[in-house]
PDB file of all heavy atoms in Angstrom:
ATOM      1  N   GLY A   1    -169.412 171.816 -22.948  1.00  0.00           N
ATOM      2  CA  GLY A   1    -168.007 172.188 -22.966  1.00  0.00           C
ATOM      3  C   GLY A   1    -167.470 172.544 -21.597  1.00  0.00           C
ATOM      4  O   GLY A   1    -168.207 172.635 -20.596  1.00  0.00           O
ATOM      5  N   ALA A   2    -166.148 172.776 -21.542  1.00  0.00           N
ATOM      6  CA  ALA A   2    -165.439 172.899 -20.287  1.00  0.00           C
ATOM      7  C   ALA A   2    -165.864 174.080 -19.435  1.00  0.00           C
ATOM      8  O   ALA A   2    -165.682 174.078 -18.229  1.00  0.00           O
ATOM      9  CB  ALA A   2    -163.947 172.983 -20.551  1.00  0.00           C
ATOM     10  N   ASP A   3    -166.426 175.132 -20.054  1.00  0.00           N
ATOM     11  CA  ASP A   3    -166.776 176.319 -19.267  1.00  0.00           C
ATOM     12  C   ASP A   3    -168.133 176.215 -18.590  1.00  0.00           C
ATOM     13  O   ASP A   3    -168.582 177.170 -17.959  1.00  0.00           O
ATOM     14  CB  ASP A   3    -166.711 177.583 -20.116  1.00  0.00           C
ATOM     15  CG  ASP A   3    -167.371 177.431 -21.467  1.00  0.00           C
ATOM     16  OD1 ASP A   3    -167.860 176.322 -21.769  1.00  0.00           O
ATOM     17  OD2 ASP A   3    -167.423 178.406 -22.232  1.00  0.00           O
ATOM     18  N   ALA A   4    -168.815 175.088 -18.700  1.00  0.00           N
ATOM     19  CA  ALA A   4    -170.102 174.892 -18.018  1.00  0.00           C
ATOM     20  C   ALA A   4    -169.871 174.091 -16.736  1.00  0.00           C
ATOM     21  O   ALA A   4    -170.440 173.018 -16.533  1.00  0.00           O
ATOM     22  CB  ALA A   4    -171.099 174.171 -18.932  1.00  0.00           C
ATOM     23  N   VAL A   5    -169.034 174.614 -15.852  1.00  0.00           N
ATOM     24  CA  VAL A   5    -168.625 173.887 -14.642  1.00  0.00           C
ATOM     25  C   VAL A   5    -169.725 173.891 -13.593  1.00  0.00           C
ATOM     26  O   VAL A   5    -170.044 172.856 -12.994  1.00  0.00           O
ATOM     27  CB  VAL A   5    -167.344 174.505 -14.058  1.00  0.00           C
ATOM     28  CG1 VAL A   5    -166.924 173.782 -12.788  1.00  0.00           C
ATOM     29  CG2 VAL A   5    -166.213 174.473 -15.087  1.00  0.00           C
ATOM     30  N   SER A   6    -170.316 175.066 -13.337  1.00  0.00           N
ATOM     31  CA  SER A   6    -171.340 175.186 -12.290  1.00  0.00           C
ATOM     32  C   SER A   6    -172.756 175.032 -12.847  1.00  0.00           C
ATOM     33  O   SER A   6    -173.695 174.825 -12.072  1.00  0.00           O
ATOM     34  CB  SER A   6    -171.230 176.536 -11.589  1.00  0.00           C
ATOM     35  OG  SER A   6    -169.982 176.669 -10.963  1.00  0.00           O
ATOM     36  N   GLY A   7    -172.917 175.164 -14.153  1.00  0.00           N
ATOM     37  CA  GLY A   7    -174.236 175.063 -14.749  1.00  0.00           C
ATOM     38  C   GLY A   7    -174.345 175.939 -15.972  1.00  0.00           C
ATOM     39  O   GLY A   7    -173.346 176.498 -16.461  1.00  0.00           O
ATOM     40  N   ILE A   8    -175.555 176.054 -16.480  1.00  0.00           N
ATOM     41  CA  ILE A   8    -175.782 176.869 -17.676  1.00  0.00           C
ATOM     42  C   ILE A   8    -177.050 177.699 -17.495  1.00  0.00           C
ATOM     43  O   ILE A   8    -177.960 177.342 -16.731  1.00  0.00           O
ATOM     44  CB  ILE A   8    -175.899 176.037 -18.956  1.00  0.00           C
ATOM     45  CG1 ILE A   8    -177.192 175.223 -18.945  1.00  0.00           C
ATOM     46  CG2 ILE A   8    -174.716 175.149 -19.155  1.00  0.00           C
ATOM     47  CD1 ILE A   8    -177.644 174.812 -20.296  1.00  0.00           C
ATOM     48  N   VAL A   9    -177.096 178.801 -18.221  1.00  0.00           N
ATOM     49  CA  VAL A   9    -178.308 179.628 -18.344  1.00  0.00           C
ATOM     50  C   VAL A   9    -178.571 179.762 -19.831  1.00  0.00           C
ATOM     51  O   VAL A   9    -177.730 180.256 -20.579  1.00  0.00           O
ATOM     52  CB  VAL A   9    -178.117 181.022 -17.720  1.00  0.00           C
ATOM     53  CG1 VAL A   9    -179.346 181.888 -17.988  1.00  0.00           C
ATOM     54  CG2 VAL A   9    -177.850 180.921 -16.220  1.00  0.00           C
ATOM     55  N   GLN A  10    -179.741 179.272 -20.286  1.00  0.00           N
ATOM     56  CA  GLN A  10    -180.075 179.385 -21.708  1.00  0.00           C
ATOM     57  C   GLN A  10    -181.363 180.194 -21.868  1.00  0.00           C
ATOM     58  O   GLN A  10    -182.356 179.937 -21.200  1.00  0.00           O
ATOM     59  CB  GLN A  10    -180.220 178.026 -22.383  1.00  0.00           C
ATOM     60  CG  GLN A  10    -180.568 178.161 -23.863  1.00  0.00           C
ATOM     61  CD  GLN A  10    -180.152 176.977 -24.708  1.00  0.00           C
ATOM     62  OE1 GLN A  10    -179.995 177.112 -25.918  1.00  0.00           O
ATOM     63  NE2 GLN A  10    -179.960 175.805 -24.118  1.00  0.00           N
ATOM     64  N   ILE A  11    -181.295 181.158 -22.780  1.00  0.00           N
ATOM     65  CA  ILE A  11    -182.404 182.066 -23.050  1.00  0.00           C
ATOM     66  C   ILE A  11    -182.970 181.742 -24.424  1.00  0.00           C
ATOM     67  O   ILE A  11    -182.215 181.611 -25.395  1.00  0.00           O
ATOM     68  CB  ILE A  11    -181.934 183.526 -22.991  1.00  0.00           C
ATOM     69  CG1 ILE A  11    -181.500 183.855 -21.548  1.00  0.00           C
ATOM     70  CG2 ILE A  11    -183.001 184.484 -23.437  1.00  0.00           C
ATOM     71  CD1 ILE A  11    -180.353 184.774 -21.484  1.00  0.00           C
ATOM     72  N   PHE A  12    -184.291 181.609 -24.501  1.00  0.00           N
ATOM     73  CA  PHE A  12    -184.959 181.260 -25.754  1.00  0.00           C
ATOM     74  C   PHE A  12    -185.810 182.421 -26.234  1.00  0.00           C
ATOM     75  O   PHE A  12    -186.619 182.981 -25.480  1.00  0.00           O
ATOM     76  CB  PHE A  12    -185.820 180.011 -25.574  1.00  0.00           C
ATOM     77  CG  PHE A  12    -185.050 178.765 -25.263  1.00  0.00           C
ATOM     78  CD1 PHE A  12    -184.788 178.410 -23.951  1.00  0.00           C
ATOM     79  CD2 PHE A  12    -184.558 177.950 -26.281  1.00  0.00           C
ATOM     80  CE1 PHE A  12    -184.069 177.258 -23.648  1.00  0.00           C
ATOM     81  CE2 PHE A  12    -183.830 176.815 -25.994  1.00  0.00           C
ATOM     82  CZ  PHE A  12    -183.594 176.463 -24.667  1.00  0.00           C
ATOM     83  N   THR A  13    -185.635 182.758 -27.495  1.00  0.00           N
ATOM     84  CA  THR A  13    -186.414 183.828 -28.113  1.00  0.00           C
ATOM     85  C   THR A  13    -187.842 183.353 -28.355  1.00  0.00           C
ATOM     86  O   THR A  13    -188.081 182.199 -28.720  1.00  0.00           O
ATOM     87  CB  THR A  13    -185.772 184.265 -29.426  1.00  0.00           C
ATOM     88  OG1 THR A  13    -184.447 184.727 -29.167  1.00  0.00           O
ATOM     89  CG2 THR A  13    -186.565 185.379 -30.102  1.00  0.00           C
ATOM     90  N   ARG A  14    -188.777 184.255 -28.203  1.00  0.00           N
ATOM     91  CA  ARG A  14    -190.197 183.926 -28.415  1.00  0.00           C
ATOM     92  C   ARG A  14    -190.448 183.508 -29.860  1.00  0.00           C
ATOM     93  O   ARG A  14    -189.904 184.097 -30.799  1.00  0.00           O
ATOM     94  CB  ARG A  14    -191.055 185.140 -28.074  1.00  0.00           C
ATOM     95  CG  ARG A  14    -192.543 184.911 -28.229  1.00  0.00           C
ATOM     96  CD  ARG A  14    -193.329 186.196 -28.062  1.00  0.00           C
ATOM     97  NE  ARG A  14    -193.167 186.766 -26.739  1.00  0.00           N
ATOM     98  CZ  ARG A  14    -193.794 187.873 -26.348  1.00  0.00           C
ATOM     99  NH1 ARG A  14    -194.585 188.524 -27.179  1.00  0.00           N
ATOM    100  NH2 ARG A  14    -193.606 188.340 -25.124  1.00  0.00           N
ATOM    101  N   GLN A  15    -191.285 182.501 -30.048  1.00  0.00           N
ATOM    102  CA  GLN A  15    -191.740 182.092 -31.353  1.00  0.00           C
ATOM    103  C   GLN A  15    -193.238 182.373 -31.464  1.00  0.00           C
ATOM    104  O   GLN A  15    -193.988 182.150 -30.531  1.00  0.00           O
ATOM    105  CB  GLN A  15    -191.475 180.607 -31.579  1.00  0.00           C
ATOM    106  CG  GLN A  15    -190.001 180.241 -31.570  1.00  0.00           C
ATOM    107  CD  GLN A  15    -189.775 178.788 -31.939  1.00  0.00           C
ATOM    108  OE1 GLN A  15    -190.383 178.258 -32.869  1.00  0.00           O
ATOM    109  NE2 GLN A  15    -188.900 178.128 -31.209  1.00  0.00           N
ATOM    110  N   GLY A  16    -193.632 182.876 -32.616  1.00  0.00           N
ATOM    111  CA  GLY A  16    -195.028 183.235 -32.794  1.00  0.00           C
ATOM    112  C   GLY A  16    -195.930 182.023 -32.819  1.00  0.00           C
ATOM    113  O   GLY A  16    -195.571 180.967 -33.343  1.00  0.00           O
ATOM    114  N   ARG A  17    -197.107 182.164 -32.218  1.00  0.00           N
ATOM    115  CA  ARG A  17    -198.121 181.111 -32.220  1.00  0.00           C
ATOM    116  C   ARG A  17    -199.491 181.755 -32.382  1.00  0.00           C
ATOM    117  O   ARG A  17    -199.807 182.718 -31.721  1.00  0.00           O
ATOM    118  CB  ARG A  17    -198.088 180.301 -30.930  1.00  0.00           C
ATOM    119  CG  ARG A  17    -196.809 179.528 -30.697  1.00  0.00           C
ATOM    120  CD  ARG A  17    -196.932 178.676 -29.436  1.00  0.00           C
ATOM    121  NE  ARG A  17    -195.708 177.917 -29.177  1.00  0.00           N
ATOM    122  CZ  ARG A  17    -194.699 178.364 -28.434  1.00  0.00           C
ATOM    123  NH1 ARG A  17    -194.786 179.573 -27.892  1.00  0.00           N
ATOM    124  NH2 ARG A  17    -193.640 177.632 -28.239  1.00  0.00           N
ATOM    125  N   GLY A  18    -200.311 181.199 -33.272  1.00  0.00           N
ATOM    126  CA  GLY A  18    -201.674 181.672 -33.421  1.00  0.00           C
ATOM    127  C   GLY A  18    -201.782 182.922 -34.265  1.00  0.00           C
ATOM    128  O   GLY A  18    -200.886 183.279 -35.047  1.00  0.00           O
ATOM    129  N   ALA A  19    -202.899 183.635 -34.083  1.00  0.00           N
ATOM    130  CA  ALA A  19    -203.190 184.817 -34.888  1.00  0.00           C
ATOM    131  C   ALA A  19    -202.220 185.942 -34.555  1.00  0.00           C
ATOM    132  O   ALA A  19    -201.591 185.977 -33.489  1.00  0.00           O
ATOM    133  CB  ALA A  19    -204.631 185.256 -34.633  1.00  0.00           C
ATOM    134  N   PHE A  20    -202.138 186.893 -35.485  1.00  0.00           N
ATOM    135  CA  PHE A  20    -201.257 188.036 -35.299  1.00  0.00           C
ATOM    136  C   PHE A  20    -201.603 188.781 -34.007  1.00  0.00           C
ATOM    137  O   PHE A  20    -202.763 189.038 -33.702  1.00  0.00           O
ATOM    138  CB  PHE A  20    -201.380 188.991 -36.486  1.00  0.00           C
ATOM    139  CG  PHE A  20    -200.599 190.260 -36.329  1.00  0.00           C
ATOM    140  CD1 PHE A  20    -199.216 190.262 -36.487  1.00  0.00           C
ATOM    141  CD2 PHE A  20    -201.241 191.449 -35.997  1.00  0.00           C
ATOM    142  CE1 PHE A  20    -198.492 191.435 -36.346  1.00  0.00           C
ATOM    143  CE2 PHE A  20    -200.516 192.615 -35.845  1.00  0.00           C
ATOM    144  CZ  PHE A  20    -199.144 192.610 -36.016  1.00  0.00           C
ATOM    145  N   ASN A  21    -200.573 189.123 -33.254  1.00  0.00           N
ATOM    146  CA  ASN A  21    -200.750 189.797 -31.966  1.00  0.00           C
ATOM    147  C   ASN A  21    -199.696 190.873 -31.836  1.00  0.00           C
ATOM    148  O   ASN A  21    -198.531 190.632 -32.126  1.00  0.00           O
ATOM    149  CB  ASN A  21    -200.652 188.769 -30.837  1.00  0.00           C
ATOM    150  CG  ASN A  21    -200.860 189.367 -29.458  1.00  0.00           C
ATOM    151  OD1 ASN A  21    -200.026 190.101 -28.933  1.00  0.00           O
ATOM    152  ND2 ASN A  21    -201.982 189.017 -28.851  1.00  0.00           N
ATOM    153  N   MET A  22    -200.091 192.043 -31.374  1.00  0.00           N
ATOM    154  CA  MET A  22    -199.145 193.140 -31.208  1.00  0.00           C
ATOM    155  C   MET A  22    -199.428 193.857 -29.895  1.00  0.00           C
ATOM    156  O   MET A  22    -200.582 193.997 -29.491  1.00  0.00           O
ATOM    157  CB  MET A  22    -199.248 194.114 -32.365  1.00  0.00           C
ATOM    158  CG  MET A  22    -198.157 195.170 -32.393  1.00  0.00           C
ATOM    159  SD  MET A  22    -198.153 196.006 -33.985  1.00  0.00           S
ATOM    160  CE  MET A  22    -198.834 197.525 -33.523  1.00  0.00           C
ATOM    161  N   SER A  23    -198.365 194.290 -29.199  1.00  0.00           N
ATOM    162  CA  SER A  23    -198.559 194.995 -27.936  1.00  0.00           C
ATOM    163  C   SER A  23    -197.487 196.051 -27.760  1.00  0.00           C
ATOM    164  O   SER A  23    -196.417 195.992 -28.365  1.00  0.00           O
ATOM    165  CB  SER A  23    -198.515 194.008 -26.758  1.00  0.00           C
ATOM    166  OG  SER A  23    -197.212 193.434 -26.620  1.00  0.00           O
ATOM    167  N   ALA A  24    -197.801 197.034 -26.912  1.00  0.00           N
ATOM    168  CA  ALA A  24    -196.870 198.102 -26.575  1.00  0.00           C
ATOM    169  C   ALA A  24    -197.023 198.421 -25.103  1.00  0.00           C
ATOM    170  O   ALA A  24    -198.126 198.335 -24.549  1.00  0.00           O
ATOM    171  CB  ALA A  24    -197.135 199.345 -27.414  1.00  0.00           C
ATOM    172  N   GLU A  25    -195.919 198.770 -24.472  1.00  0.00           N
ATOM    173  CA  GLU A  25    -195.954 199.074 -23.047  1.00  0.00           C
ATOM    174  C   GLU A  25    -194.935 200.157 -22.733  1.00  0.00           C
ATOM    175  O   GLU A  25    -193.833 200.168 -23.284  1.00  0.00           O
ATOM    176  CB  GLU A  25    -195.667 197.817 -22.231  1.00  0.00           C
ATOM    177  CG  GLU A  25    -195.799 198.009 -20.721  1.00  0.00           C
ATOM    178  CD  GLU A  25    -195.700 196.711 -19.972  1.00  0.00           C
ATOM    179  OE1 GLU A  25    -196.630 195.886 -20.060  1.00  0.00           O
ATOM    180  OE2 GLU A  25    -194.678 196.509 -19.293  1.00  0.00           O
ATOM    181  N   GLY A  26    -195.286 201.059 -21.823  1.00  0.00           N
ATOM    182  CA  GLY A  26    -194.360 202.107 -21.426  1.00  0.00           C
ATOM    183  C   GLY A  26    -194.394 202.316 -19.923  1.00  0.00           C
ATOM    184  O   GLY A  26    -195.410 202.090 -19.270  1.00  0.00           O
ATOM    185  N   ARG A  27    -193.268 202.746 -19.358  1.00  0.00           N
ATOM    186  CA  ARG A  27    -193.170 203.026 -17.936  1.00  0.00           C
ATOM    187  C   ARG A  27    -192.323 204.271 -17.717  1.00  0.00           C
ATOM    188  O   ARG A  27    -191.435 204.567 -18.523  1.00  0.00           O
ATOM    189  CB  ARG A  27    -192.519 201.865 -17.177  1.00  0.00           C
ATOM    190  CG  ARG A  27    -193.300 200.566 -17.177  1.00  0.00           C
ATOM    191  CD  ARG A  27    -192.594 199.523 -16.307  1.00  0.00           C
ATOM    192  NE  ARG A  27    -193.318 198.276 -16.244  1.00  0.00           N
ATOM    193  CZ  ARG A  27    -193.091 197.247 -17.053  1.00  0.00           C
ATOM    194  NH1 ARG A  27    -192.174 197.350 -17.982  1.00  0.00           N
ATOM    195  NH2 ARG A  27    -193.787 196.132 -16.923  1.00  0.00           N
ATOM    196  N   ALA A  28    -192.583 204.956 -16.609  1.00  0.00           N
ATOM    197  CA  ALA A  28    -191.770 206.101 -16.223  1.00  0.00           C
ATOM    198  C   ALA A  28    -191.727 206.173 -14.713  1.00  0.00           C
ATOM    199  O   ALA A  28    -192.680 205.780 -14.029  1.00  0.00           O
ATOM    200  CB  ALA A  28    -192.320 207.397 -16.803  1.00  0.00           C
ATOM    201  N   GLY A  29    -190.621 206.648 -14.166  1.00  0.00           N
ATOM    202  CA  GLY A  29    -190.494 206.733 -12.717  1.00  0.00           C
ATOM    203  C   GLY A  29    -189.482 207.770 -12.309  1.00  0.00           C
ATOM    204  O   GLY A  29    -189.085 208.629 -13.100  1.00  0.00           O
ATOM    205  N   ASN A  30    -189.062 207.680 -11.034  1.00  0.00           N
ATOM    206  CA  ASN A  30    -188.114 208.663 -10.534  1.00  0.00           C
ATOM    207  C   ASN A  30    -186.720 208.416 -11.085  1.00  0.00           C
ATOM    208  O   ASN A  30    -186.466 207.425 -11.763  1.00  0.00           O
ATOM    209  CB  ASN A  30    -188.113 208.667  -8.999  1.00  0.00           C
ATOM    210  CG  ASN A  30    -187.783 207.306  -8.412  1.00  0.00           C
ATOM    211  OD1 ASN A  30    -187.641 206.318  -9.132  1.00  0.00           O
ATOM    212  ND2 ASN A  30    -187.669 207.253  -7.109  1.00  0.00           N
ATOM    213  N   ARG A  31    -185.785 209.334 -10.779  1.00  0.00           N
ATOM    214  CA  ARG A  31    -184.425 209.297 -11.288  1.00  0.00           C
ATOM    215  C   ARG A  31    -184.366 209.280 -12.808  1.00  0.00           C
ATOM    216  O   ARG A  31    -183.444 208.727 -13.409  1.00  0.00           O
ATOM    217  CB  ARG A  31    -183.642 208.115 -10.714  1.00  0.00           C
ATOM    218  CG  ARG A  31    -183.572 208.106  -9.192  1.00  0.00           C
ATOM    219  CD  ARG A  31    -182.656 207.006  -8.707  1.00  0.00           C
ATOM    220  NE  ARG A  31    -182.696 206.862  -7.269  1.00  0.00           N
ATOM    221  CZ  ARG A  31    -182.001 207.595  -6.407  1.00  0.00           C
ATOM    222  NH1 ARG A  31    -181.204 208.548  -6.857  1.00  0.00           N
ATOM    223  NH2 ARG A  31    -182.094 207.375  -5.103  1.00  0.00           N
ATOM    224  N   GLY A  32    -185.355 209.884 -13.436  1.00  0.00           N
ATOM    225  CA  GLY A  32    -185.382 209.971 -14.895  1.00  0.00           C
ATOM    226  C   GLY A  32    -185.577 208.640 -15.585  1.00  0.00           C
ATOM    227  O   GLY A  32    -185.246 208.507 -16.771  1.00  0.00           O
ATOM    228  N   SER A  33    -186.130 207.644 -14.896  1.00  0.00           N
ATOM    229  CA  SER A  33    -186.307 206.311 -15.489  1.00  0.00           C
ATOM    230  C   SER A  33    -187.497 206.305 -16.432  1.00  0.00           C
ATOM    231  O   SER A  33    -188.587 206.756 -16.085  1.00  0.00           O
ATOM    232  CB  SER A  33    -186.529 205.275 -14.386  1.00  0.00           C
ATOM    233  OG  SER A  33    -185.436 205.227 -13.500  1.00  0.00           O
ATOM    234  N   ARG A  34    -187.297 205.815 -17.628  1.00  0.00           N
ATOM    235  CA  ARG A  34    -188.378 205.651 -18.569  1.00  0.00           C
ATOM    236  C   ARG A  34    -188.020 204.531 -19.537  1.00  0.00           C
ATOM    237  O   ARG A  34    -186.853 204.297 -19.847  1.00  0.00           O
ATOM    238  CB  ARG A  34    -188.703 206.922 -19.337  1.00  0.00           C
ATOM    239  CG  ARG A  34    -187.583 207.481 -20.173  1.00  0.00           C
ATOM    240  CD  ARG A  34    -186.716 208.449 -19.408  1.00  0.00           C
ATOM    241  NE  ARG A  34    -185.875 209.238 -20.279  1.00  0.00           N
ATOM    242  CZ  ARG A  34    -184.759 209.856 -19.859  1.00  0.00           C
ATOM    243  NH1 ARG A  34    -184.369 209.774 -18.606  1.00  0.00           N
ATOM    244  NH2 ARG A  34    -184.046 210.580 -20.712  1.00  0.00           N
ATOM    245  N   GLU A  35    -189.039 203.830 -20.012  1.00  0.00           N
ATOM    246  CA  GLU A  35    -188.817 202.731 -20.933  1.00  0.00           C
ATOM    247  C   GLU A  35    -190.059 202.496 -21.776  1.00  0.00           C
ATOM    248  O   GLU A  35    -191.179 202.829 -21.362  1.00  0.00           O
ATOM    249  CB  GLU A  35    -188.445 201.446 -20.188  1.00  0.00           C
ATOM    250  CG  GLU A  35    -189.511 200.958 -19.218  1.00  0.00           C
ATOM    251  CD  GLU A  35    -189.036 199.750 -18.412  1.00  0.00           C
ATOM    252  OE1 GLU A  35    -187.991 199.841 -17.764  1.00  0.00           O
ATOM    253  OE2 GLU A  35    -189.742 198.738 -18.464  1.00  0.00           O
ATOM    254  N   ILE A  36    -189.844 201.925 -22.933  1.00  0.00           N
ATOM    255  CA  ILE A  36    -190.938 201.560 -23.823  1.00  0.00           C
ATOM    256  C   ILE A  36    -190.581 200.261 -24.511  1.00  0.00           C
ATOM    257  O   ILE A  36    -189.413 200.023 -24.878  1.00  0.00           O
ATOM    258  CB  ILE A  36    -191.229 202.673 -24.865  1.00  0.00           C
ATOM    259  CG1 ILE A  36    -192.454 202.297 -25.705  1.00  0.00           C
ATOM    260  CG2 ILE A  36    -190.011 202.945 -25.749  1.00  0.00           C
ATOM    261  CD1 ILE A  36    -192.945 203.428 -26.587  1.00  0.00           C
ATOM    262  N   THR A  37    -191.554 199.371 -24.664  1.00  0.00           N
ATOM    263  CA  THR A  37    -191.335 198.093 -25.339  1.00  0.00           C
ATOM    264  C   THR A  37    -192.443 197.877 -26.365  1.00  0.00           C
ATOM    265  O   THR A  37    -193.593 198.280 -26.158  1.00  0.00           O
ATOM    266  CB  THR A  37    -191.331 196.922 -24.349  1.00  0.00           C
ATOM    267  OG1 THR A  37    -192.597 196.873 -23.648  1.00  0.00           O
ATOM    268  CG2 THR A  37    -190.204 197.088 -23.333  1.00  0.00           C
ATOM    269  N   LEU A  38    -192.084 197.247 -27.467  1.00  0.00           N
ATOM    270  CA  LEU A  38    -193.008 196.904 -28.542  1.00  0.00           C
ATOM    271  C   LEU A  38    -192.749 195.476 -28.979  1.00  0.00           C
ATOM    272  O   LEU A  38    -191.582 195.031 -29.000  1.00  0.00           O
ATOM    273  CB  LEU A  38    -192.829 197.841 -29.745  1.00  0.00           C
ATOM    274  CG  LEU A  38    -193.059 199.344 -29.519  1.00  0.00           C
ATOM    275  CD1 LEU A  38    -192.528 200.124 -30.723  1.00  0.00           C
ATOM    276  CD2 LEU A  38    -194.530 199.626 -29.303  1.00  0.00           C
ATOM    277  N   ASP A  39    -193.789 194.743 -29.326  1.00  0.00           N
ATOM    278  CA  ASP A  39    -193.571 193.410 -29.877  1.00  0.00           C
ATOM    279  C   ASP A  39    -194.758 192.999 -30.730  1.00  0.00           C
ATOM    280  O   ASP A  39    -195.887 193.492 -30.549  1.00  0.00           O
ATOM    281  CB  ASP A  39    -193.334 192.384 -28.759  1.00  0.00           C
ATOM    282  CG  ASP A  39    -194.548 192.164 -27.876  1.00  0.00           C
ATOM    283  OD1 ASP A  39    -195.487 191.483 -28.318  1.00  0.00           O
ATOM    284  OD2 ASP A  39    -194.562 192.693 -26.743  1.00  0.00           O
ATOM    285  N   ALA A  40    -194.479 192.122 -31.678  1.00  0.00           N
ATOM    286  CA  ALA A  40    -195.491 191.568 -32.567  1.00  0.00           C
ATOM    287  C   ALA A  40    -195.119 190.137 -32.881  1.00  0.00           C
ATOM    288  O   ALA A  40    -193.939 189.806 -33.025  1.00  0.00           O
ATOM    289  CB  ALA A  40    -195.599 192.401 -33.855  1.00  0.00           C
ATOM    290  N   ASN A  41    -196.109 189.274 -32.992  1.00  0.00           N
ATOM    291  CA  ASN A  41    -195.833 187.874 -33.301  1.00  0.00           C
ATOM    292  C   ASN A  41    -197.079 187.211 -33.857  1.00  0.00           C
ATOM    293  O   ASN A  41    -198.202 187.736 -33.729  1.00  0.00           O
ATOM    294  CB  ASN A  41    -195.334 187.129 -32.058  1.00  0.00           C
ATOM    295  CG  ASN A  41    -196.344 187.169 -30.929  1.00  0.00           C
ATOM    296  OD1 ASN A  41    -197.269 186.363 -30.857  1.00  0.00           O
ATOM    297  ND2 ASN A  41    -196.184 188.137 -30.009  1.00  0.00           N
TER     298      ASN A  41
END
């Protein structure tokens, strides 16, 4: 379409492959930065 003048960026969601897999990750840093992520597929 007309709004793709300079190009496009397309993001694809992960699809599960193989045996069940689950992971968790956390980070913390200065300026009160902290994060946690979880995923399973």
